[in-house]
Amino acid sequence: MSISFRPTDVDRAKLTKLAHPGESQSDVLRRALDALDQLDWERDAQAAASAIMASGENLNDEPDAW
């Protein structure tokens, strides 16, 4: 699969600024996708934790299973 990307001048500046030494623009975009994926995971985890807290569930109140 191939994806076309026509960066604006601002996009090019960001790609240059965010690139590590020896890293291609594709590498920078891959890192950005990984960072977005991580951010999405963290938001989901926070939402799940907030839902548990809102429910009043407290595992510390439960007897140990072992």
PDB file of N, CA and C in Angstrom:
ATOM      1  N   MET A   1       0.841  -1.166   0.000  1.00  0.00           N
ATOM      2  CA  MET A   1       0.000   0.000   0.000  1.00  0.00           C
ATOM      3  C   MET A   1       0.894   1.240   0.000  1.00  0.00           C
ATOM      4  N   SER A   2       0.469   2.224  -0.708  1.00  0.00           N
ATOM      5  CA  SER A   2       1.205   3.476  -0.772  1.00  0.00           C
ATOM      6  C   SER A   2       0.253   4.617  -0.453  1.00  0.00           C
ATOM      7  N   ILE A   3       0.737   5.568   0.316  1.00  0.00           N
ATOM      8  CA  ILE A   3      -0.060   6.727   0.685  1.00  0.00           C
ATOM      9  C   ILE A   3       0.667   7.967   0.197  1.00  0.00           C
ATOM     10  N   SER A   4      -0.038   8.802  -0.520  1.00  0.00           N
ATOM     11  CA  SER A   4       0.554  10.057  -0.985  1.00  0.00           C
ATOM     12  C   SER A   4       0.341  11.127   0.069  1.00  0.00           C
ATOM     13  N   PHE A   5       1.348  11.952   0.254  1.00  0.00           N
ATOM     14  CA  PHE A   5       1.293  13.028   1.225  1.00  0.00           C
ATOM     15  C   PHE A   5       1.972  14.234   0.608  1.00  0.00           C
ATOM     16  N   ARG A   6       1.245  15.307   0.483  1.00  0.00           N
ATOM     17  CA  ARG A   6       1.808  16.538  -0.064  1.00  0.00           C
ATOM     18  C   ARG A   6       1.950  17.537   1.080  1.00  0.00           C
ATOM     19  N   PRO A   7       3.127  17.561   1.692  1.00  0.00           N
ATOM     20  CA  PRO A   7       3.305  18.432   2.849  1.00  0.00           C
ATOM     21  C   PRO A   7       3.307  19.910   2.475  1.00  0.00           C
ATOM     22  N   THR A   8       2.707  20.693   3.360  1.00  0.00           N
ATOM     23  CA  THR A   8       2.773  22.147   3.223  1.00  0.00           C
ATOM     24  C   THR A   8       4.146  22.605   3.724  1.00  0.00           C
ATOM     25  N   ASP A   9       4.423  23.878   3.591  1.00  0.00           N
ATOM     26  CA  ASP A   9       5.691  24.405   4.113  1.00  0.00           C
ATOM     27  C   ASP A   9       5.779  24.185   5.618  1.00  0.00           C
ATOM     28  N   VAL A  10       4.653  24.355   6.308  1.00  0.00           N
ATOM     29  CA  VAL A  10       4.625  24.132   7.763  1.00  0.00           C
ATOM     30  C   VAL A  10       4.886  22.656   8.077  1.00  0.00           C
ATOM     31  N   ASP A  11       4.274  21.757   7.301  1.00  0.00           N
ATOM     32  CA  ASP A  11       4.506  20.319   7.491  1.00  0.00           C
ATOM     33  C   ASP A  11       5.976  19.978   7.285  1.00  0.00           C
ATOM     34  N   ARG A  12       6.585  20.524   6.253  1.00  0.00           N
ATOM     35  CA  ARG A  12       8.004  20.261   5.979  1.00  0.00           C
ATOM     36  C   ARG A  12       8.877  20.739   7.131  1.00  0.00           C
ATOM     37  N   ALA A  13       8.540  21.904   7.659  1.00  0.00           N
ATOM     38  CA  ALA A  13       9.319  22.436   8.789  1.00  0.00           C
ATOM     39  C   ALA A  13       9.195  21.520  10.000  1.00  0.00           C
ATOM     40  N   LYS A  14       7.992  21.009  10.247  1.00  0.00           N
ATOM     41  CA  LYS A  14       7.789  20.090  11.378  1.00  0.00           C
ATOM     42  C   LYS A  14       8.547  18.787  11.154  1.00  0.00           C
ATOM     43  N   LEU A  15       8.496  18.253   9.949  1.00  0.00           N
ATOM     44  CA  LEU A  15       9.216  17.014   9.648  1.00  0.00           C
ATOM     45  C   LEU A  15      10.714  17.198   9.867  1.00  0.00           C
ATOM     46  N   THR A  16      11.234  18.332   9.440  1.00  0.00           N
ATOM     47  CA  THR A  16      12.660  18.616   9.616  1.00  0.00           C
ATOM     48  C   THR A  16      12.996  18.766  11.093  1.00  0.00           C
ATOM     49  N   LYS A  17      12.176  19.511  11.814  1.00  0.00           N
ATOM     50  CA  LYS A  17      12.416  19.758  13.239  1.00  0.00           C
ATOM     51  C   LYS A  17      12.343  18.469  14.053  1.00  0.00           C
ATOM     52  N   LEU A  18      11.415  17.586  13.720  1.00  0.00           N
ATOM     53  CA  LEU A  18      11.185  16.382  14.519  1.00  0.00           C
ATOM     54  C   LEU A  18      12.051  15.191  14.126  1.00  0.00           C
ATOM     55  N   ALA A  19      12.759  15.303  13.020  1.00  0.00           N
ATOM     56  CA  ALA A  19      13.581  14.186  12.549  1.00  0.00           C
ATOM     57  C   ALA A  19      14.805  13.991  13.436  1.00  0.00           C
ATOM     58  N   HIS A  20      15.059  12.751  13.803  1.00  0.00           N
ATOM     59  CA  HIS A  20      16.297  12.388  14.495  1.00  0.00           C
ATOM     60  C   HIS A  20      17.405  12.257  13.446  1.00  0.00           C
ATOM     61  N   PRO A  21      18.660  12.375  13.850  1.00  0.00           N
ATOM     62  CA  PRO A  21      19.754  12.242  12.886  1.00  0.00           C
ATOM     63  C   PRO A  21      19.650  10.933  12.090  1.00  0.00           C
ATOM     64  N   GLY A  22      19.750  11.044  10.782  1.00  0.00           N
ATOM     65  CA  GLY A  22      19.703   9.886   9.908  1.00  0.00           C
ATOM     66  C   GLY A  22      18.308   9.350   9.645  1.00  0.00           C
ATOM     67  N   GLU A  23      17.291  10.002  10.159  1.00  0.00           N
ATOM     68  CA  GLU A  23      15.920   9.521  10.027  1.00  0.00           C
ATOM     69  C   GLU A  23      15.262  10.133   8.789  1.00  0.00           C
ATOM     70  N   SER A  24      14.537   9.302   8.056  1.00  0.00           N
ATOM     71  CA  SER A  24      13.832   9.784   6.867  1.00  0.00           C
ATOM     72  C   SER A  24      12.496  10.412   7.271  1.00  0.00           C
ATOM     73  N   GLN A  25      11.899  11.112   6.337  1.00  0.00           N
ATOM     74  CA  GLN A  25      10.580  11.683   6.601  1.00  0.00           C
ATOM     75  C   GLN A  25       9.561  10.584   6.878  1.00  0.00           C
ATOM     76  N   SER A  26       9.688   9.463   6.196  1.00  0.00           N
ATOM     77  CA  SER A  26       8.790   8.334   6.450  1.00  0.00           C
ATOM     78  C   SER A  26       8.942   7.833   7.879  1.00  0.00           C
ATOM     79  N   ASP A  27      10.183   7.802   8.367  1.00  0.00           N
ATOM     80  CA  ASP A  27      10.424   7.377   9.750  1.00  0.00           C
ATOM     81  C   ASP A  27       9.751   8.330  10.738  1.00  0.00           C
ATOM     82  N   VAL A  28       9.838   9.630  10.457  1.00  0.00           N
ATOM     83  CA  VAL A  28       9.213  10.622  11.333  1.00  0.00           C
ATOM     84  C   VAL A  28       7.698  10.400  11.353  1.00  0.00           C
ATOM     85  N   LEU A  29       7.117  10.182  10.193  1.00  0.00           N
ATOM     86  CA  LEU A  29       5.668   9.952  10.115  1.00  0.00           C
ATOM     87  C   LEU A  29       5.272   8.656  10.828  1.00  0.00           C
ATOM     88  N   ARG A  30       6.103   7.630  10.739  1.00  0.00           N
ATOM     89  CA  ARG A  30       5.816   6.379  11.456  1.00  0.00           C
ATOM     90  C   ARG A  30       5.835   6.605  12.967  1.00  0.00           C
ATOM     91  N   ARG A  31       6.833   7.377  13.437  1.00  0.00           N
ATOM     92  CA  ARG A  31       6.895   7.685  14.867  1.00  0.00           C
ATOM     93  C   ARG A  31       5.663   8.480  15.299  1.00  0.00           C
ATOM     94  N   ALA A  32       5.235   9.397  14.438  1.00  0.00           N
ATOM     95  CA  ALA A  32       4.048  10.192  14.751  1.00  0.00           C
ATOM     96  C   ALA A  32       2.815   9.298  14.849  1.00  0.00           C
ATOM     97  N   LEU A  33       2.689   8.335  13.952  1.00  0.00           N
ATOM     98  CA  LEU A  33       1.562   7.402  14.013  1.00  0.00           C
ATOM     99  C   LEU A  33       1.618   6.555  15.280  1.00  0.00           C
ATOM    100  N   ASP A  34       2.811   6.121  15.651  1.00  0.00           N
ATOM    101  CA  ASP A  34       2.974   5.354  16.894  1.00  0.00           C
ATOM    102  C   ASP A  34       2.585   6.203  18.107  1.00  0.00           C
ATOM    103  N   ALA A  35       2.990   7.475  18.094  1.00  0.00           N
ATOM    104  CA  ALA A  35       2.663   8.369  19.208  1.00  0.00           C
ATOM    105  C   ALA A  35       1.153   8.594  19.288  1.00  0.00           C
ATOM    106  N   LEU A  36       0.497   8.749  18.151  1.00  0.00           N
ATOM    107  CA  LEU A  36      -0.959   8.909  18.143  1.00  0.00           C
ATOM    108  C   LEU A  36      -1.655   7.653  18.638  1.00  0.00           C
ATOM    109  N   ASP A  37      -1.137   6.495  18.254  1.00  0.00           N
ATOM    110  CA  ASP A  37      -1.703   5.235  18.713  1.00  0.00           C
ATOM    111  C   ASP A  37      -1.564   5.109  20.227  1.00  0.00           C
ATOM    112  N   GLN A  38      -0.410   5.477  20.760  1.00  0.00           N
ATOM    113  CA  GLN A  38      -0.173   5.448  22.205  1.00  0.00           C
ATOM    114  C   GLN A  38      -1.110   6.415  22.922  1.00  0.00           C
ATOM    115  N   LEU A  39      -1.277   7.607  22.370  1.00  0.00           N
ATOM    116  CA  LEU A  39      -2.173   8.599  22.960  1.00  0.00           C
ATOM    117  C   LEU A  39      -3.602   8.081  22.993  1.00  0.00           C
ATOM    118  N   ASP A  40      -4.027   7.432  21.925  1.00  0.00           N
ATOM    119  CA  ASP A  40      -5.367   6.852  21.863  1.00  0.00           C
ATOM    120  C   ASP A  40      -5.540   5.773  22.929  1.00  0.00           C
ATOM    121  N   TRP A  41      -4.510   4.923  23.096  1.00  0.00           N
ATOM    122  CA  TRP A  41      -4.553   3.877  24.118  1.00  0.00           C
ATOM    123  C   TRP A  41      -4.656   4.499  25.504  1.00  0.00           C
ATOM    124  N   GLU A  42      -3.874   5.541  25.763  1.00  0.00           N
ATOM    125  CA  GLU A  42      -3.894   6.196  27.063  1.00  0.00           C
ATOM    126  C   GLU A  42      -5.257   6.831  27.347  1.00  0.00           C
ATOM    127  N   ARG A  43      -5.863   7.434  26.338  1.00  0.00           N
ATOM    128  CA  ARG A  43      -7.200   8.018  26.514  1.00  0.00           C
ATOM    129  C   ARG A  43      -8.223   6.933  26.838  1.00  0.00           C
ATOM    130  N   ASP A  44      -8.143   5.806  26.142  1.00  0.00           N
ATOM    131  CA  ASP A  44      -9.057   4.692  26.425  1.00  0.00           C
ATOM    132  C   ASP A  44      -8.855   4.173  27.841  1.00  0.00           C
ATOM    133  N   ALA A  45      -7.610   4.034  28.260  1.00  0.00           N
ATOM    134  CA  ALA A  45      -7.307   3.547  29.608  1.00  0.00           C
ATOM    135  C   ALA A  45      -7.818   4.523  30.660  1.00  0.00           C
ATOM    136  N   GLN A  46      -7.637   5.811  30.422  1.00  0.00           N
ATOM    137  CA  GLN A  46      -8.125   6.819  31.360  1.00  0.00           C
ATOM    138  C   GLN A  46      -9.641   6.799  31.440  1.00  0.00           C
ATOM    139  N   ALA A  47     -10.306   6.634  30.307  1.00  0.00           N
ATOM    140  CA  ALA A  47     -11.767   6.567  30.296  1.00  0.00           C
ATOM    141  C   ALA A  47     -12.246   5.342  31.072  1.00  0.00           C
ATOM    142  N   ALA A  48     -11.561   4.216  30.907  1.00  0.00           N
ATOM    143  CA  ALA A  48     -11.934   3.000  31.635  1.00  0.00           C
ATOM    144  C   ALA A  48     -11.719   3.188  33.130  1.00  0.00           C
ATOM    145  N   ALA A  49     -10.604   3.803  33.508  1.00  0.00           N
ATOM    146  CA  ALA A  49     -10.325   4.047  34.924  1.00  0.00           C
ATOM    147  C   ALA A  49     -11.357   5.007  35.518  1.00  0.00           C
ATOM    148  N   SER A  50     -11.730   6.025  34.769  1.00  0.00           N
ATOM    149  CA  SER A  50     -12.738   6.969  35.246  1.00  0.00           C
ATOM    150  C   SER A  50     -14.089   6.289  35.421  1.00  0.00           C
ATOM    151  N   ALA A  51     -14.431   5.377  34.509  1.00  0.00           N
ATOM    152  CA  ALA A  51     -15.692   4.650  34.615  1.00  0.00           C
ATOM    153  C   ALA A  51     -15.705   3.760  35.849  1.00  0.00           C
ATOM    154  N   ILE A  52     -14.581   3.130  36.151  1.00  0.00           N
ATOM    155  CA  ILE A  52     -14.486   2.287  37.341  1.00  0.00           C
ATOM    156  C   ILE A  52     -14.636   3.139  38.595  1.00  0.00           C
ATOM    157  N   MET A  53     -13.957   4.275  38.616  1.00  0.00           N
ATOM    158  CA  MET A  53     -14.059   5.153  39.787  1.00  0.00           C
ATOM    159  C   MET A  53     -15.487   5.666  39.958  1.00  0.00           C
ATOM    160  N   ALA A  54     -16.141   6.021  38.856  1.00  0.00           N
ATOM    161  CA  ALA A  54     -17.504   6.550  38.919  1.00  0.00           C
ATOM    162  C   ALA A  54     -18.489   5.488  39.392  1.00  0.00           C
ATOM    163  N   SER A  55     -18.178   4.220  39.130  1.00  0.00           N
ATOM    164  CA  SER A  55     -19.079   3.138  39.536  1.00  0.00           C
ATOM    165  C   SER A  55     -18.992   2.861  41.038  1.00  0.00           C
ATOM    166  N   GLY A  56     -17.941   3.367  41.668  1.00  0.00           N
ATOM    167  CA  GLY A  56     -17.758   3.133  43.099  1.00  0.00           C
ATOM    168  C   GLY A  56     -17.055   1.825  43.407  1.00  0.00           C
ATOM    169  N   GLU A  57     -16.700   1.072  42.372  1.00  0.00           N
ATOM    170  CA  GLU A  57     -16.011  -0.197  42.588  1.00  0.00           C
ATOM    171  C   GLU A  57     -14.635   0.071  43.190  1.00  0.00           C
ATOM    172  N   ASN A  58     -14.290  -0.710  44.203  1.00  0.00           N
ATOM    173  CA  ASN A  58     -12.983  -0.576  44.839  1.00  0.00           C
ATOM    174  C   ASN A  58     -12.462  -1.973  45.128  1.00  0.00           C
ATOM    175  N   LEU A  59     -11.470  -2.387  44.376  1.00  0.00           N
ATOM    176  CA  LEU A  59     -10.930  -3.736  44.539  1.00  0.00           C
ATOM    177  C   LEU A  59     -10.291  -3.932  45.904  1.00  0.00           C
ATOM    178  N   ASN A  60      -9.917  -2.858  46.567  1.00  0.00           N
ATOM    179  CA  ASN A  60      -9.348  -2.976  47.909  1.00  0.00           C
ATOM    180  C   ASN A  60     -10.378  -3.469  48.923  1.00  0.00           C
ATOM    181  N   ASP A  61     -11.649  -3.301  48.589  1.00  0.00           N
ATOM    182  CA  ASP A  61     -12.718  -3.766  49.471  1.00  0.00           C
ATOM    183  C   ASP A  61     -13.022  -5.250  49.270  1.00  0.00           C
ATOM    184  N   GLU A  62     -12.486  -5.835  48.232  1.00  0.00           N
ATOM    185  CA  GLU A  62     -12.755  -7.252  47.929  1.00  0.00           C
ATOM    186  C   GLU A  62     -11.745  -8.142  48.649  1.00  0.00           C
ATOM    187  N   PRO A  63     -12.188  -9.349  49.048  1.00  0.00           N
ATOM    188  CA  PRO A  63     -11.236 -10.264  49.676  1.00  0.00           C
ATOM    189  C   PRO A  63     -10.201 -10.743  48.655  1.00  0.00           C
ATOM    190  N   ASP A  64      -9.010 -11.026  49.152  1.00  0.00           N
ATOM    191  CA  ASP A  64      -7.969 -11.530  48.269  1.00  0.00           C
ATOM    192  C   ASP A  64      -8.370 -12.896  47.743  1.00  0.00           C
ATOM    193  N   ALA A  65      -8.036 -13.161  46.482  1.00  0.00           N
ATOM    194  CA  ALA A  65      -8.425 -14.410  45.837  1.00  0.00           C
ATOM    195  C   ALA A  65      -7.488 -15.558  46.207  1.00  0.00           C
ATOM    196  N   TRP A  66      -6.351 -15.253  46.782  1.00  0.00           N
ATOM    197  CA  TRP A  66      -5.422 -16.336  47.078  1.00  0.00           C
ATOM    198  C   TRP A  66      -5.423 -16.634  48.499  1.00  0.00           C
TER     199      TRP A  66
END
